[in-house]
Amino acid sequence: MPRKKGFVPDKYKEEILKILKIYPFMSTSEICDKLNMGYETGLKYIEQLHKEDKIKQRKIGNRQFWYT
């Protein structure tokens, strides 16, 4: 899938943080659906944000949920 026009890595992260402020507790799939991005792309940037301590993770069953 081609990169979204004008989206650089920081833009993806910024959009993920924005959506988590609106919807504070979301799964990886929900974030990707809301932002209309591929699952692998979303997961890559979500994990980067998690490593930077900008978002937190909670596992419920086999699903990962993210919040700020």
N, C-alpha and C. Protein backbone atom coordinates (compact mmCIF):
# COMPACT_ATOMS: atom_id res chain seq x y z
N MET A 1 0.84 -1.18 0.00
CA MET A 1 0.00 0.00 0.00
C MET A 1 0.88 1.24 0.00
N PRO A 2 0.63 2.20 -0.85
CA PRO A 2 1.47 3.40 -0.91
C PRO A 2 1.28 4.28 0.32
N ARG A 3 2.31 5.04 0.59
CA ARG A 3 2.29 5.98 1.70
C ARG A 3 1.24 7.05 1.45
N LYS A 4 0.56 7.47 2.51
CA LYS A 4 -0.41 8.55 2.37
C LYS A 4 0.31 9.83 2.01
N LYS A 5 -0.27 10.58 1.12
CA LYS A 5 0.36 11.81 0.64
C LYS A 5 0.60 12.77 1.80
N GLY A 6 1.84 13.19 1.94
CA GLY A 6 2.20 14.14 2.97
C GLY A 6 2.42 13.53 4.35
N PHE A 7 2.35 12.21 4.47
CA PHE A 7 2.52 11.57 5.76
C PHE A 7 3.96 11.10 5.91
N VAL A 8 4.63 11.65 6.89
CA VAL A 8 5.96 11.21 7.29
C VAL A 8 5.78 10.50 8.64
N PRO A 9 6.78 9.78 9.13
CA PRO A 9 6.60 9.05 10.39
C PRO A 9 6.03 9.89 11.53
N ASP A 10 6.49 11.12 11.68
CA ASP A 10 5.98 11.95 12.77
C ASP A 10 4.51 12.28 12.58
N LYS A 11 4.05 12.40 11.35
CA LYS A 11 2.64 12.68 11.08
C LYS A 11 1.77 11.49 11.49
N TYR A 12 2.21 10.27 11.19
CA TYR A 12 1.48 9.08 11.61
C TYR A 12 1.35 9.07 13.14
N LYS A 13 2.45 9.31 13.83
CA LYS A 13 2.43 9.30 15.29
C LYS A 13 1.51 10.39 15.83
N GLU A 14 1.56 11.56 15.22
CA GLU A 14 0.71 12.67 15.64
C GLU A 14 -0.77 12.31 15.50
N GLU A 15 -1.13 11.69 14.39
CA GLU A 15 -2.52 11.29 14.15
C GLU A 15 -2.97 10.22 15.15
N ILE A 16 -2.10 9.30 15.49
CA ILE A 16 -2.43 8.26 16.48
C ILE A 16 -2.67 8.90 17.84
N LEU A 17 -1.81 9.84 18.23
CA LEU A 17 -2.00 10.52 19.51
C LEU A 17 -3.30 11.32 19.53
N LYS A 18 -3.63 11.97 18.42
CA LYS A 18 -4.88 12.73 18.33
C LYS A 18 -6.09 11.83 18.52
N ILE A 19 -6.09 10.69 17.86
CA ILE A 19 -7.25 9.79 17.94
C ILE A 19 -7.38 9.20 19.34
N LEU A 20 -6.25 8.97 20.01
CA LEU A 20 -6.31 8.43 21.37
C LEU A 20 -6.78 9.48 22.38
N LYS A 21 -6.66 10.75 22.06
CA LYS A 21 -7.21 11.79 22.94
C LYS A 21 -8.73 11.86 22.79
N ILE A 22 -9.21 11.58 21.60
CA ILE A 22 -10.66 11.58 21.36
C ILE A 22 -11.29 10.30 21.91
N TYR A 23 -10.67 9.16 21.61
CA TYR A 23 -11.14 7.85 22.05
C TYR A 23 -10.05 7.25 22.93
N PRO A 24 -10.13 7.42 24.25
CA PRO A 24 -8.99 7.12 25.12
C PRO A 24 -8.55 5.67 25.26
N PHE A 25 -9.32 4.69 24.84
CA PHE A 25 -8.94 3.30 25.04
C PHE A 25 -9.34 2.52 23.79
N MET A 26 -8.36 2.23 22.93
CA MET A 26 -8.66 1.60 21.64
C MET A 26 -7.71 0.45 21.35
N SER A 27 -8.21 -0.52 20.60
CA SER A 27 -7.35 -1.62 20.15
C SER A 27 -6.55 -1.16 18.93
N THR A 28 -5.56 -1.93 18.57
CA THR A 28 -4.75 -1.62 17.40
C THR A 28 -5.63 -1.54 16.15
N SER A 29 -6.52 -2.51 15.99
CA SER A 29 -7.41 -2.54 14.83
C SER A 29 -8.32 -1.33 14.77
N GLU A 30 -8.85 -0.93 15.92
CA GLU A 30 -9.74 0.24 15.96
C GLU A 30 -9.00 1.51 15.55
N ILE A 31 -7.78 1.66 16.03
CA ILE A 31 -6.98 2.84 15.66
C ILE A 31 -6.75 2.85 14.15
N CYS A 32 -6.34 1.72 13.62
CA CYS A 32 -6.06 1.63 12.18
C CYS A 32 -7.31 1.90 11.35
N ASP A 33 -8.44 1.38 11.79
CA ASP A 33 -9.70 1.62 11.07
C ASP A 33 -10.07 3.10 11.08
N LYS A 34 -9.99 3.73 12.24
CA LYS A 34 -10.35 5.15 12.35
C LYS A 34 -9.45 6.03 11.48
N LEU A 35 -8.18 5.66 11.38
CA LEU A 35 -7.23 6.47 10.63
C LEU A 35 -7.05 5.99 9.19
N ASN A 36 -7.79 4.95 8.83
CA ASN A 36 -7.74 4.41 7.47
C ASN A 36 -6.30 4.07 7.05
N MET A 37 -5.63 3.33 7.93
CA MET A 37 -4.26 2.89 7.62
C MET A 37 -4.17 1.39 7.79
N GLY A 38 -3.20 0.79 7.17
CA GLY A 38 -2.99 -0.64 7.28
C GLY A 38 -2.60 -1.05 8.69
N TYR A 39 -2.95 -2.28 9.04
CA TYR A 39 -2.68 -2.78 10.39
C TYR A 39 -1.18 -2.76 10.70
N GLU A 40 -0.36 -3.26 9.80
CA GLU A 40 1.09 -3.33 10.04
C GLU A 40 1.69 -1.93 10.21
N THR A 41 1.24 -0.99 9.39
CA THR A 41 1.73 0.39 9.50
C THR A 41 1.33 0.97 10.85
N GLY A 42 0.07 0.80 11.20
CA GLY A 42 -0.41 1.31 12.49
C GLY A 42 0.33 0.71 13.65
N LEU A 43 0.49 -0.60 13.63
CA LEU A 43 1.18 -1.28 14.72
C LEU A 43 2.62 -0.79 14.86
N LYS A 44 3.28 -0.58 13.75
CA LYS A 44 4.67 -0.09 13.76
C LYS A 44 4.78 1.24 14.51
N TYR A 45 3.91 2.19 14.19
CA TYR A 45 3.98 3.50 14.82
C TYR A 45 3.42 3.50 16.24
N ILE A 46 2.44 2.66 16.51
CA ILE A 46 1.92 2.52 17.87
C ILE A 46 3.01 1.97 18.78
N GLU A 47 3.73 0.97 18.32
CA GLU A 47 4.82 0.40 19.13
C GLU A 47 5.94 1.40 19.35
N GLN A 48 6.22 2.23 18.35
CA GLN A 48 7.23 3.28 18.52
C GLN A 48 6.79 4.27 19.60
N LEU A 49 5.52 4.67 19.57
CA LEU A 49 4.99 5.58 20.59
C LEU A 49 5.05 4.93 21.98
N HIS A 50 4.79 3.64 22.03
CA HIS A 50 4.85 2.92 23.31
C HIS A 50 6.29 2.90 23.84
N LYS A 51 7.25 2.66 22.98
CA LYS A 51 8.66 2.65 23.40
C LYS A 51 9.11 4.03 23.86
N GLU A 52 8.51 5.08 23.29
CA GLU A 52 8.84 6.46 23.68
C GLU A 52 8.06 6.90 24.91
N ASP A 53 7.28 5.99 25.51
CA ASP A 53 6.44 6.27 26.69
C ASP A 53 5.40 7.36 26.46
N LYS A 54 4.92 7.47 25.23
CA LYS A 54 3.87 8.45 24.93
C LYS A 54 2.48 7.83 25.04
N ILE A 55 2.39 6.51 24.91
CA ILE A 55 1.13 5.80 25.12
C ILE A 55 1.41 4.56 25.94
N LYS A 56 0.34 4.05 26.57
CA LYS A 56 0.46 2.86 27.40
C LYS A 56 -0.34 1.73 26.78
N GLN A 57 -0.02 0.53 27.20
CA GLN A 57 -0.63 -0.68 26.63
C GLN A 57 -1.27 -1.50 27.74
N ARG A 58 -2.38 -2.11 27.38
CA ARG A 58 -3.01 -3.08 28.27
C ARG A 58 -3.47 -4.25 27.42
N LYS A 59 -3.09 -5.45 27.84
CA LYS A 59 -3.50 -6.65 27.11
C LYS A 59 -4.72 -7.25 27.80
N ILE A 60 -5.72 -7.54 26.99
CA ILE A 60 -6.92 -8.23 27.48
C ILE A 60 -7.13 -9.40 26.54
N GLY A 61 -6.93 -10.59 27.07
CA GLY A 61 -6.96 -11.78 26.22
C GLY A 61 -5.80 -11.72 25.25
N ASN A 62 -6.10 -11.89 23.97
CA ASN A 62 -5.04 -11.81 22.96
C ASN A 62 -5.03 -10.46 22.24
N ARG A 63 -5.77 -9.49 22.76
CA ARG A 63 -5.84 -8.17 22.12
C ARG A 63 -5.04 -7.15 22.91
N GLN A 64 -4.50 -6.18 22.19
CA GLN A 64 -3.75 -5.10 22.80
C GLN A 64 -4.60 -3.83 22.71
N PHE A 65 -4.71 -3.14 23.84
CA PHE A 65 -5.42 -1.88 23.87
C PHE A 65 -4.44 -0.79 24.25
N TRP A 66 -4.67 0.40 23.72
CA TRP A 66 -3.74 1.51 23.88
C TRP A 66 -4.46 2.70 24.48
N TYR A 67 -3.74 3.45 25.31
CA TYR A 67 -4.31 4.66 25.92
C TYR A 67 -3.17 5.61 26.29
N THR A 68 -3.55 6.87 26.55
CA THR A 68 -2.53 7.88 26.91
C THR A 68 -2.50 8.10 28.39
